[in-house]
Amino acid sequence: MPSYYMSEDLARFGDISKTNPKLFDLFLTWYSTTMQKGVLDEKTKKLIALAVAFAIQEPYCIDSYTSACTDSGISPEEMAEAVNVAAVIRGGGTIAHWVQACNAIARKD
């Protein structure tokens, strides 16, 4: 069975601009400004983007930022470490929500 997400579809990212070019241009300005060197360097921003892509399970961004990281000389080890940070934070958030279960149990008493 073919995948629902196809890498070649990433090239169609800009198709949404046909519906409202002004909004898409504003998005691109926001995006490009955000990803430029600021207090954080571009390498760090790419690693953050990769980690977030994994955390939100966005395959197009995973493909895109894996490629961007590789093109920037970021090693697979650095990428894996960033992805592990995202995974452990997501896992920790899951465990932290145990408090919600405790609150629900307490309300039953």
PDB file of N, CA and C in Angstrom:
ATOM      1  N   MET A   1       0.846  -1.186   0.000  1.00  0.00           N
ATOM      2  CA  MET A   1       0.000   0.000   0.000  1.00  0.00           C
ATOM      3  C   MET A   1       0.883   1.238   0.000  1.00  0.00           C
ATOM      4  N   PRO A   2       0.627   2.166  -0.875  1.00  0.00           N
ATOM      5  CA  PRO A   2       1.445   3.387  -0.897  1.00  0.00           C
ATOM      6  C   PRO A   2       1.200   4.237   0.335  1.00  0.00           C
ATOM      7  N   SER A   3       2.186   5.045   0.634  1.00  0.00           N
ATOM      8  CA  SER A   3       2.078   5.931   1.786  1.00  0.00           C
ATOM      9  C   SER A   3       1.107   7.066   1.498  1.00  0.00           C
ATOM     10  N   TYR A   4       0.412   7.495   2.525  1.00  0.00           N
ATOM     11  CA  TYR A   4      -0.470   8.652   2.413  1.00  0.00           C
ATOM     12  C   TYR A   4       0.345   9.911   2.144  1.00  0.00           C
ATOM     13  N   TYR A   5       1.516   9.995   2.749  1.00  0.00           N
ATOM     14  CA  TYR A   5       2.415  11.129   2.570  1.00  0.00           C
ATOM     15  C   TYR A   5       3.492  10.744   1.561  1.00  0.00           C
ATOM     16  N   MET A   6       3.589  11.509   0.491  1.00  0.00           N
ATOM     17  CA  MET A   6       4.594  11.247  -0.531  1.00  0.00           C
ATOM     18  C   MET A   6       5.560  12.423  -0.567  1.00  0.00           C
ATOM     19  N   SER A   7       6.838  12.107  -0.534  1.00  0.00           N
ATOM     20  CA  SER A   7       7.859  13.160  -0.500  1.00  0.00           C
ATOM     21  C   SER A   7       7.702  14.163  -1.633  1.00  0.00           C
ATOM     22  N   GLU A   8       7.313  13.687  -2.785  1.00  0.00           N
ATOM     23  CA  GLU A   8       7.196  14.608  -3.926  1.00  0.00           C
ATOM     24  C   GLU A   8       6.079  15.642  -3.713  1.00  0.00           C
ATOM     25  N   ASP A   9       5.153  15.375  -2.809  1.00  0.00           N
ATOM     26  CA  ASP A   9       4.107  16.353  -2.522  1.00  0.00           C
ATOM     27  C   ASP A   9       4.641  17.599  -1.822  1.00  0.00           C
ATOM     28  N   LEU A  10       5.790  17.487  -1.178  1.00  0.00           N
ATOM     29  CA  LEU A  10       6.380  18.640  -0.503  1.00  0.00           C
ATOM     30  C   LEU A  10       6.591  19.796  -1.483  1.00  0.00           C
ATOM     31  N   ALA A  11       6.859  19.476  -2.727  1.00  0.00           N
ATOM     32  CA  ALA A  11       7.052  20.515  -3.744  1.00  0.00           C
ATOM     33  C   ALA A  11       5.771  21.312  -3.995  1.00  0.00           C
ATOM     34  N   ARG A  12       4.642  20.804  -3.548  1.00  0.00           N
ATOM     35  CA  ARG A  12       3.358  21.485  -3.748  1.00  0.00           C
ATOM     36  C   ARG A  12       2.965  22.342  -2.551  1.00  0.00           C
ATOM     37  N   PHE A  13       3.867  22.514  -1.621  1.00  0.00           N
ATOM     38  CA  PHE A  13       3.608  23.288  -0.408  1.00  0.00           C
ATOM     39  C   PHE A  13       3.007  24.655  -0.725  1.00  0.00           C
ATOM     40  N   GLY A  14       3.532  25.290  -1.735  1.00  0.00           N
ATOM     41  CA  GLY A  14       3.093  26.642  -2.085  1.00  0.00           C
ATOM     42  C   GLY A  14       1.766  26.717  -2.800  1.00  0.00           C
ATOM     43  N   ASP A  15       1.161  25.580  -3.133  1.00  0.00           N
ATOM     44  CA  ASP A  15      -0.116  25.610  -3.844  1.00  0.00           C
ATOM     45  C   ASP A  15      -1.193  26.382  -3.091  1.00  0.00           C
ATOM     46  N   ILE A  16      -1.104  26.390  -1.778  1.00  0.00           N
ATOM     47  CA  ILE A  16      -2.110  27.117  -0.996  1.00  0.00           C
ATOM     48  C   ILE A  16      -2.081  28.618  -1.302  1.00  0.00           C
ATOM     49  N   SER A  17      -0.968  29.107  -1.827  1.00  0.00           N
ATOM     50  CA  SER A  17      -0.860  30.533  -2.145  1.00  0.00           C
ATOM     51  C   SER A  17      -1.869  30.950  -3.211  1.00  0.00           C
ATOM     52  N   LYS A  18      -2.340  29.988  -3.992  1.00  0.00           N
ATOM     53  CA  LYS A  18      -3.330  30.303  -5.032  1.00  0.00           C
ATOM     54  C   LYS A  18      -4.657  30.736  -4.418  1.00  0.00           C
ATOM     55  N   THR A  19      -4.914  30.326  -3.193  1.00  0.00           N
ATOM     56  CA  THR A  19      -6.182  30.675  -2.560  1.00  0.00           C
ATOM     57  C   THR A  19      -6.157  32.061  -1.935  1.00  0.00           C
ATOM     58  N   ASN A  20      -4.989  32.447  -1.398  1.00  0.00           N
ATOM     59  CA  ASN A  20      -4.866  33.773  -0.786  1.00  0.00           C
ATOM     60  C   ASN A  20      -3.378  34.152  -0.779  1.00  0.00           C
ATOM     61  N   PRO A  21      -2.905  34.704  -1.891  1.00  0.00           N
ATOM     62  CA  PRO A  21      -1.479  35.015  -2.009  1.00  0.00           C
ATOM     63  C   PRO A  21      -0.949  35.925  -0.904  1.00  0.00           C
ATOM     64  N   LYS A  22      -1.751  36.870  -0.464  1.00  0.00           N
ATOM     65  CA  LYS A  22      -1.299  37.806   0.563  1.00  0.00           C
ATOM     66  C   LYS A  22      -0.979  37.071   1.870  1.00  0.00           C
ATOM     67  N   LEU A  23      -1.874  36.189   2.302  1.00  0.00           N
ATOM     68  CA  LEU A  23      -1.628  35.439   3.534  1.00  0.00           C
ATOM     69  C   LEU A  23      -0.402  34.544   3.403  1.00  0.00           C
ATOM     70  N   PHE A  24      -0.244  33.918   2.240  1.00  0.00           N
ATOM     71  CA  PHE A  24       0.911  33.050   2.046  1.00  0.00           C
ATOM     72  C   PHE A  24       2.201  33.867   2.068  1.00  0.00           C
ATOM     73  N   ASP A  25       2.194  35.027   1.446  1.00  0.00           N
ATOM     74  CA  ASP A  25       3.373  35.905   1.481  1.00  0.00           C
ATOM     75  C   ASP A  25       3.706  36.327   2.910  1.00  0.00           C
ATOM     76  N   LEU A  26       2.679  36.625   3.697  1.00  0.00           N
ATOM     77  CA  LEU A  26       2.914  36.981   5.106  1.00  0.00           C
ATOM     78  C   LEU A  26       3.522  35.805   5.869  1.00  0.00           C
ATOM     79  N   PHE A  27       3.009  34.598   5.601  1.00  0.00           N
ATOM     80  CA  PHE A  27       3.573  33.406   6.229  1.00  0.00           C
ATOM     81  C   PHE A  27       5.043  33.243   5.856  1.00  0.00           C
ATOM     82  N   LEU A  28       5.350  33.376   4.558  1.00  0.00           N
ATOM     83  CA  LEU A  28       6.736  33.210   4.114  1.00  0.00           C
ATOM     84  C   LEU A  28       7.657  34.252   4.731  1.00  0.00           C
ATOM     85  N   THR A  29       7.176  35.473   4.879  1.00  0.00           N
ATOM     86  CA  THR A  29       7.976  36.516   5.524  1.00  0.00           C
ATOM     87  C   THR A  29       8.232  36.145   6.981  1.00  0.00           C
ATOM     88  N   TRP A  30       7.189  35.724   7.682  1.00  0.00           N
ATOM     89  CA  TRP A  30       7.315  35.294   9.083  1.00  0.00           C
ATOM     90  C   TRP A  30       8.282  34.127   9.190  1.00  0.00           C
ATOM     91  N   TYR A  31       8.090  33.132   8.337  1.00  0.00           N
ATOM     92  CA  TYR A  31       8.936  31.936   8.350  1.00  0.00           C
ATOM     93  C   TYR A  31      10.403  32.297   8.101  1.00  0.00           C
ATOM     94  N   SER A  32      10.664  33.028   7.024  1.00  0.00           N
ATOM     95  CA  SER A  32      12.067  33.309   6.671  1.00  0.00           C
ATOM     96  C   SER A  32      12.733  34.200   7.718  1.00  0.00           C
ATOM     97  N   THR A  33      11.994  35.134   8.283  1.00  0.00           N
ATOM     98  CA  THR A  33      12.544  35.989   9.332  1.00  0.00           C
ATOM     99  C   THR A  33      12.856  35.175  10.584  1.00  0.00           C
ATOM    100  N   THR A  34      11.948  34.285  10.936  1.00  0.00           N
ATOM    101  CA  THR A  34      12.143  33.445  12.117  1.00  0.00           C
ATOM    102  C   THR A  34      13.358  32.540  11.972  1.00  0.00           C
ATOM    103  N   MET A  35      13.577  32.002  10.770  1.00  0.00           N
ATOM    104  CA  MET A  35      14.655  31.028  10.573  1.00  0.00           C
ATOM    105  C   MET A  35      16.021  31.674  10.340  1.00  0.00           C
ATOM    106  N   GLN A  36      16.071  33.007  10.218  1.00  0.00           N
ATOM    107  CA  GLN A  36      17.358  33.697  10.068  1.00  0.00           C
ATOM    108  C   GLN A  36      18.099  33.707  11.396  1.00  0.00           C
ATOM    109  N   LYS A  37      19.414  33.895  11.312  1.00  0.00           N
ATOM    110  CA  LYS A  37      20.231  34.007  12.508  1.00  0.00           C
ATOM    111  C   LYS A  37      19.728  35.172  13.349  1.00  0.00           C
ATOM    112  N   GLY A  38      19.560  34.907  14.601  1.00  0.00           N
ATOM    113  CA  GLY A  38      19.176  35.923  15.573  1.00  0.00           C
ATOM    114  C   GLY A  38      19.980  35.631  16.822  1.00  0.00           C
ATOM    115  N   VAL A  39      19.333  35.587  17.965  1.00  0.00           N
ATOM    116  CA  VAL A  39      20.002  35.173  19.190  1.00  0.00           C
ATOM    117  C   VAL A  39      20.455  33.722  19.038  1.00  0.00           C
ATOM    118  N   LEU A  40      19.617  32.918  18.364  1.00  0.00           N
ATOM    119  CA  LEU A  40      19.986  31.533  18.039  1.00  0.00           C
ATOM    120  C   LEU A  40      20.568  31.494  16.634  1.00  0.00           C
ATOM    121  N   ASP A  41      21.572  30.656  16.448  1.00  0.00           N
ATOM    122  CA  ASP A  41      22.129  30.524  15.099  1.00  0.00           C
ATOM    123  C   ASP A  41      21.228  29.636  14.244  1.00  0.00           C
ATOM    124  N   GLU A  42      21.473  29.653  12.928  1.00  0.00           N
ATOM    125  CA  GLU A  42      20.625  28.911  11.988  1.00  0.00           C
ATOM    126  C   GLU A  42      20.690  27.402  12.215  1.00  0.00           C
ATOM    127  N   LYS A  43      21.847  26.890  12.605  1.00  0.00           N
ATOM    128  CA  LYS A  43      21.987  25.452  12.875  1.00  0.00           C
ATOM    129  C   LYS A  43      21.054  25.045  14.016  1.00  0.00           C
ATOM    130  N   THR A  44      21.064  25.811  15.086  1.00  0.00           N
ATOM    131  CA  THR A  44      20.208  25.509  16.232  1.00  0.00           C
ATOM    132  C   THR A  44      18.741  25.548  15.828  1.00  0.00           C
ATOM    133  N   LYS A  45      18.368  26.540  15.029  1.00  0.00           N
ATOM    134  CA  LYS A  45      16.981  26.649  14.585  1.00  0.00           C
ATOM    135  C   LYS A  45      16.574  25.454  13.735  1.00  0.00           C
ATOM    136  N   LYS A  46      17.471  24.972  12.895  1.00  0.00           N
ATOM    137  CA  LYS A  46      17.167  23.795  12.075  1.00  0.00           C
ATOM    138  C   LYS A  46      16.992  22.561  12.953  1.00  0.00           C
ATOM    139  N   LEU A  47      17.829  22.424  13.966  1.00  0.00           N
ATOM    140  CA  LEU A  47      17.692  21.282  14.876  1.00  0.00           C
ATOM    141  C   LEU A  47      16.391  21.360  15.674  1.00  0.00           C
ATOM    142  N   ILE A  48      16.020  22.567  16.099  1.00  0.00           N
ATOM    143  CA  ILE A  48      14.737  22.739  16.796  1.00  0.00           C
ATOM    144  C   ILE A  48      13.594  22.363  15.855  1.00  0.00           C
ATOM    145  N   ALA A  49      13.658  22.846  14.629  1.00  0.00           N
ATOM    146  CA  ALA A  49      12.602  22.546  13.656  1.00  0.00           C
ATOM    147  C   ALA A  49      12.497  21.042  13.416  1.00  0.00           C
ATOM    148  N   LEU A  50      13.629  20.374  13.307  1.00  0.00           N
ATOM    149  CA  LEU A  50      13.618  18.920  13.113  1.00  0.00           C
ATOM    150  C   LEU A  50      12.979  18.223  14.311  1.00  0.00           C
ATOM    151  N   ALA A  51      13.386  18.626  15.506  1.00  0.00           N
ATOM    152  CA  ALA A  51      12.841  18.001  16.714  1.00  0.00           C
ATOM    153  C   ALA A  51      11.330  18.240  16.821  1.00  0.00           C
ATOM    154  N   VAL A  52      10.882  19.439  16.522  1.00  0.00           N
ATOM    155  CA  VAL A  52       9.448  19.740  16.559  1.00  0.00           C
ATOM    156  C   VAL A  52       8.713  18.918  15.500  1.00  0.00           C
ATOM    157  N   ALA A  53       9.302  18.787  14.315  1.00  0.00           N
ATOM    158  CA  ALA A  53       8.679  17.991  13.256  1.00  0.00           C
ATOM    159  C   ALA A  53       8.433  16.558  13.718  1.00  0.00           C
ATOM    160  N   PHE A  54       9.403  15.989  14.425  1.00  0.00           N
ATOM    161  CA  PHE A  54       9.218  14.643  14.965  1.00  0.00           C
ATOM    162  C   PHE A  54       8.164  14.641  16.069  1.00  0.00           C
ATOM    163  N   ALA A  55       8.190  15.651  16.931  1.00  0.00           N
ATOM    164  CA  ALA A  55       7.250  15.696  18.053  1.00  0.00           C
ATOM    165  C   ALA A  55       5.807  15.811  17.575  1.00  0.00           C
ATOM    166  N   ILE A  56       5.584  16.571  16.509  1.00  0.00           N
ATOM    167  CA  ILE A  56       4.224  16.714  15.991  1.00  0.00           C
ATOM    168  C   ILE A  56       3.930  15.695  14.892  1.00  0.00           C
ATOM    169  N   GLN A  57       4.914  14.860  14.595  1.00  0.00           N
ATOM    170  CA  GLN A  57       4.795  13.770  13.616  1.00  0.00           C
ATOM    171  C   GLN A  57       4.344  14.286  12.250  1.00  0.00           C
ATOM    172  N   GLU A  58       5.080  15.268  11.737  1.00  0.00           N
ATOM    173  CA  GLU A  58       4.786  15.914  10.466  1.00  0.00           C
ATOM    174  C   GLU A  58       5.788  15.418   9.424  1.00  0.00           C
ATOM    175  N   PRO A  59       5.413  14.432   8.601  1.00  0.00           N
ATOM    176  CA  PRO A  59       6.379  13.806   7.700  1.00  0.00           C
ATOM    177  C   PRO A  59       7.015  14.752   6.686  1.00  0.00           C
ATOM    178  N   TYR A  60       6.259  15.732   6.196  1.00  0.00           N
ATOM    179  CA  TYR A  60       6.850  16.652   5.231  1.00  0.00           C
ATOM    180  C   TYR A  60       7.956  17.481   5.883  1.00  0.00           C
ATOM    181  N   CYS A  61       7.726  17.941   7.104  1.00  0.00           N
ATOM    182  CA  CYS A  61       8.752  18.698   7.816  1.00  0.00           C
ATOM    183  C   CYS A  61       9.922  17.804   8.220  1.00  0.00           C
ATOM    184  N   ILE A  62       9.648  16.551   8.543  1.00  0.00           N
ATOM    185  CA  ILE A  62      10.742  15.625   8.855  1.00  0.00           C
ATOM    186  C   ILE A  62      11.646  15.500   7.637  1.00  0.00           C
ATOM    187  N   ASP A  63      11.053  15.290   6.464  1.00  0.00           N
ATOM    188  CA  ASP A  63      11.852  15.205   5.231  1.00  0.00           C
ATOM    189  C   ASP A  63      12.611  16.502   4.978  1.00  0.00           C
ATOM    190  N   SER A  64      11.887  17.613   5.061  1.00  0.00           N
ATOM    191  CA  SER A  64      12.463  18.908   4.739  1.00  0.00           C
ATOM    192  C   SER A  64      13.605  19.280   5.680  1.00  0.00           C
ATOM    193  N   TYR A  65      13.397  19.105   6.988  1.00  0.00           N
ATOM    194  CA  TYR A  65      14.427  19.515   7.939  1.00  0.00           C
ATOM    195  C   TYR A  65      15.560  18.510   8.066  1.00  0.00           C
ATOM    196  N   THR A  66      15.296  17.241   7.761  1.00  0.00           N
ATOM    197  CA  THR A  66      16.405  16.290   7.687  1.00  0.00           C
ATOM    198  C   THR A  66      17.334  16.709   6.563  1.00  0.00           C
ATOM    199  N   SER A  67      16.747  17.058   5.431  1.00  0.00           N
ATOM    200  CA  SER A  67      17.546  17.521   4.292  1.00  0.00           C
ATOM    201  C   SER A  67      18.271  18.832   4.612  1.00  0.00           C
ATOM    202  N   ALA A  68      17.560  19.792   5.217  1.00  0.00           N
ATOM    203  CA  ALA A  68      18.173  21.080   5.557  1.00  0.00           C
ATOM    204  C   ALA A  68      19.313  20.903   6.552  1.00  0.00           C
ATOM    205  N   CYS A  69      19.121  20.024   7.526  1.00  0.00           N
ATOM    206  CA  CYS A  69      20.181  19.767   8.516  1.00  0.00           C
ATOM    207  C   CYS A  69      21.398  19.143   7.839  1.00  0.00           C
ATOM    208  N   THR A  70      21.148  18.138   7.008  1.00  0.00           N
ATOM    209  CA  THR A  70      22.253  17.479   6.300  1.00  0.00           C
ATOM    210  C   THR A  70      23.003  18.477   5.428  1.00  0.00           C
ATOM    211  N   ASP A  71      22.249  19.314   4.694  1.00  0.00           N
ATOM    212  CA  ASP A  71      22.875  20.319   3.823  1.00  0.00           C
ATOM    213  C   ASP A  71      23.698  21.329   4.618  1.00  0.00           C
ATOM    214  N   SER A  72      23.347  21.538   5.877  1.00  0.00           N
ATOM    215  CA  SER A  72      24.070  22.482   6.729  1.00  0.00           C
ATOM    216  C   SER A  72      25.228  21.838   7.487  1.00  0.00           C
ATOM    217  N   GLY A  73      25.490  20.571   7.188  1.00  0.00           N
ATOM    218  CA  GLY A  73      26.606  19.896   7.843  1.00  0.00           C
ATOM    219  C   GLY A  73      26.289  19.337   9.215  1.00  0.00           C
ATOM    220  N   ILE A  74      25.029  19.267   9.555  1.00  0.00           N
ATOM    221  CA  ILE A  74      24.624  18.711  10.845  1.00  0.00           C
ATOM    222  C   ILE A  74      24.674  17.194  10.731  1.00  0.00           C
ATOM    223  N   SER A  75      25.313  16.564  11.685  1.00  0.00           N
ATOM    224  CA  SER A  75      25.521  15.113  11.617  1.00  0.00           C
ATOM    225  C   SER A  75      24.259  14.350  12.023  1.00  0.00           C
ATOM    226  N   PRO A  76      24.166  13.111  11.580  1.00  0.00           N
ATOM    227  CA  PRO A  76      23.050  12.270  12.033  1.00  0.00           C
ATOM    228  C   PRO A  76      23.023  12.140  13.559  1.00  0.00           C
ATOM    229  N   GLU A  77      24.183  12.137  14.188  1.00  0.00           N
ATOM    230  CA  GLU A  77      24.237  12.047  15.646  1.00  0.00           C
ATOM    231  C   GLU A  77      23.615  13.286  16.303  1.00  0.00           C
ATOM    232  N   GLU A  78      23.906  14.460  15.754  1.00  0.00           N
ATOM    233  CA  GLU A  78      23.309  15.690  16.284  1.00  0.00           C
ATOM    234  C   GLU A  78      21.791  15.689  16.078  1.00  0.00           C
ATOM    235  N   MET A  79      21.368  15.249  14.894  1.00  0.00           N
ATOM    236  CA  MET A  79      19.932  15.184  14.625  1.00  0.00           C
ATOM    237  C   MET A  79      19.251  14.205  15.573  1.00  0.00           C
ATOM    238  N   ALA A  80      19.867  13.038  15.762  1.00  0.00           N
ATOM    239  CA  ALA A  80      19.280  12.028  16.650  1.00  0.00           C
ATOM    240  C   ALA A  80      19.175  12.545  18.078  1.00  0.00           C
ATOM    241  N   GLU A  81      20.179  13.294  18.516  1.00  0.00           N
ATOM    242  CA  GLU A  81      20.126  13.839  19.872  1.00  0.00           C
ATOM    243  C   GLU A  81      18.977  14.836  20.006  1.00  0.00           C
ATOM    244  N   ALA A  82      18.795  15.681  19.005  1.00  0.00           N
ATOM    245  CA  ALA A  82      17.690  16.643  19.034  1.00  0.00           C
ATOM    246  C   ALA A  82      16.343  15.920  19.038  1.00  0.00           C
ATOM    247  N   VAL A  83      16.228  14.872  18.230  1.00  0.00           N
ATOM    248  CA  VAL A  83      14.987  14.098  18.177  1.00  0.00           C
ATOM    249  C   VAL A  83      14.735  13.407  19.514  1.00  0.00           C
ATOM    250  N   ASN A  84      15.790  12.913  20.151  1.00  0.00           N
ATOM    251  CA  ASN A  84      15.629  12.291  21.463  1.00  0.00           C
ATOM    252  C   ASN A  84      15.170  13.300  22.509  1.00  0.00           C
ATOM    253  N   VAL A  85      15.646  14.534  22.422  1.00  0.00           N
ATOM    254  CA  VAL A  85      15.173  15.572  23.343  1.00  0.00           C
ATOM    255  C   VAL A  85      13.672  15.767  23.159  1.00  0.00           C
ATOM    256  N   ALA A  86      13.225  15.871  21.915  1.00  0.00           N
ATOM    257  CA  ALA A  86      11.793  16.034  21.650  1.00  0.00           C
ATOM    258  C   ALA A  86      11.001  14.846  22.192  1.00  0.00           C
ATOM    259  N   ALA A  87      11.518  13.656  21.980  1.00  0.00           N
ATOM    260  CA  ALA A  87      10.817  12.448  22.425  1.00  0.00           C
ATOM    261  C   ALA A  87      10.705  12.387  23.943  1.00  0.00           C
ATOM    262  N   VAL A  88      11.778  12.721  24.633  1.00  0.00           N
ATOM    263  CA  VAL A  88      11.740  12.632  26.092  1.00  0.00           C
ATOM    264  C   VAL A  88      10.841  13.716  26.693  1.00  0.00           C
ATOM    265  N   ILE A  89      10.815  14.889  26.074  1.00  0.00           N
ATOM    266  CA  ILE A  89       9.917  15.941  26.550  1.00  0.00           C
ATOM    267  C   ILE A  89       8.469  15.535  26.308  1.00  0.00           C
ATOM    268  N   ARG A  90       8.205  14.972  25.138  1.00  0.00           N
ATOM    269  CA  ARG A  90       6.839  14.501  24.854  1.00  0.00           C
ATOM    270  C   ARG A  90       6.454  13.380  25.818  1.00  0.00           C
ATOM    271  N   GLY A  91       7.373  12.454  26.055  1.00  0.00           N
ATOM    272  CA  GLY A  91       7.110  11.377  27.001  1.00  0.00           C
ATOM    273  C   GLY A  91       6.896  11.894  28.408  1.00  0.00           C
ATOM    274  N   GLY A  92       7.701  12.851  28.817  1.00  0.00           N
ATOM    275  CA  GLY A  92       7.550  13.450  30.137  1.00  0.00           C
ATOM    276  C   GLY A  92       6.214  14.140  30.293  1.00  0.00           C
ATOM    277  N   GLY A  93       5.768  14.794  29.232  1.00  0.00           N
ATOM    278  CA  GLY A  93       4.465  15.438  29.260  1.00  0.00           C
ATOM    279  C   GLY A  93       3.345  14.428  29.439  1.00  0.00           C
ATOM    280  N   THR A  94       3.506  13.280  28.819  1.00  0.00           N
ATOM    281  CA  THR A  94       2.516  12.216  28.983  1.00  0.00           C
ATOM    282  C   THR A  94       2.459  11.768  30.436  1.00  0.00           C
ATOM    283  N   ILE A  95       3.609  11.545  31.028  1.00  0.00           N
ATOM    284  CA  ILE A  95       3.673  11.113  32.427  1.00  0.00           C
ATOM    285  C   ILE A  95       3.144  12.205  33.353  1.00  0.00           C
ATOM    286  N   ALA A  96       3.471  13.456  33.060  1.00  0.00           N
ATOM    287  CA  ALA A  96       3.026  14.568  33.902  1.00  0.00           C
ATOM    288  C   ALA A  96       1.504  14.660  33.961  1.00  0.00           C
ATOM    289  N   HIS A  97       0.851  14.215  32.919  1.00  0.00           N
ATOM    290  CA  HIS A  97      -0.608  14.271  32.913  1.00  0.00           C
ATOM    291  C   HIS A  97      -1.245  13.236  33.836  1.00  0.00           C
ATOM    292  N   TRP A  98      -0.436  12.424  34.499  1.00  0.00           N
ATOM    293  CA  TRP A  98      -0.946  11.508  35.513  1.00  0.00           C
ATOM    294  C   TRP A  98      -1.702  12.287  36.588  1.00  0.00           C
ATOM    295  N   VAL A  99      -1.274  13.520  36.812  1.00  0.00           N
ATOM    296  CA  VAL A  99      -1.939  14.373  37.800  1.00  0.00           C
ATOM    297  C   VAL A  99      -3.427  14.513  37.449  1.00  0.00           C
ATOM    298  N   GLN A 100      -3.757  14.577  36.162  1.00  0.00           N
ATOM    299  CA  GLN A 100      -5.156  14.665  35.754  1.00  0.00           C
ATOM    300  C   GLN A 100      -5.929  13.431  36.223  1.00  0.00           C
ATOM    301  N   ALA A 101      -5.301  12.262  36.086  1.00  0.00           N
ATOM    302  CA  ALA A 101      -5.946  11.030  36.561  1.00  0.00           C
ATOM    303  C   ALA A 101      -6.134  11.078  38.059  1.00  0.00           C
ATOM    304  N   CYS A 102      -5.116  11.551  38.775  1.00  0.00           N
ATOM    305  CA  CYS A 102      -5.216  11.671  40.239  1.00  0.00           C
ATOM    306  C   CYS A 102      -6.351  12.615  40.620  1.00  0.00           C
ATOM    307  N   ASN A 103      -6.492  13.727  39.908  1.00  0.00           N
ATOM    308  CA  ASN A 103      -7.586  14.670  40.173  1.00  0.00           C
ATOM    309  C   ASN A 103      -8.939  14.017  39.924  1.00  0.00           C
ATOM    310  N   ALA A 104      -9.048  13.235  38.850  1.00  0.00           N
ATOM    311  CA  ALA A 104     -10.314  12.554  38.546  1.00  0.00           C
ATOM    312  C   ALA A 104     -10.653  11.540  39.615  1.00  0.00           C
ATOM    313  N   ILE A 105      -9.643  10.824  40.104  1.00  0.00           N
ATOM    314  CA  ILE A 105      -9.856   9.857  41.193  1.00  0.00           C
ATOM    315  C   ILE A 105     -10.309  10.576  42.458  1.00  0.00           C
ATOM    316  N   ALA A 106      -9.666  11.694  42.766  1.00  0.00           N
ATOM    317  CA  ALA A 106     -10.000  12.456  43.970  1.00  0.00           C
ATOM    318  C   ALA A 106     -11.430  12.986  43.913  1.00  0.00           C
ATOM    319  N   ARG A 107     -11.886  13.385  42.741  1.00  0.00           N
ATOM    320  CA  ARG A 107     -13.254  13.899  42.597  1.00  0.00           C
ATOM    321  C   ARG A 107     -14.289  12.792  42.846  1.00  0.00           C
ATOM    322  N   LYS A 108     -13.929  11.561  42.631  1.00  0.00           N
ATOM    323  CA  LYS A 108     -14.851  10.450  42.847  1.00  0.00           C
ATOM    324  C   LYS A 108     -15.012  10.127  44.332  1.00  0.00           C
ATOM    325  N   ASP A 109     -14.028  10.527  45.121  1.00  0.00           N
ATOM    326  CA  ASP A 109     -14.075  10.223  46.571  1.00  0.00           C
ATOM    327  C   ASP A 109     -15.054  11.100  47.311  1.00  0.00           C
TER     328      ASP A 109
END
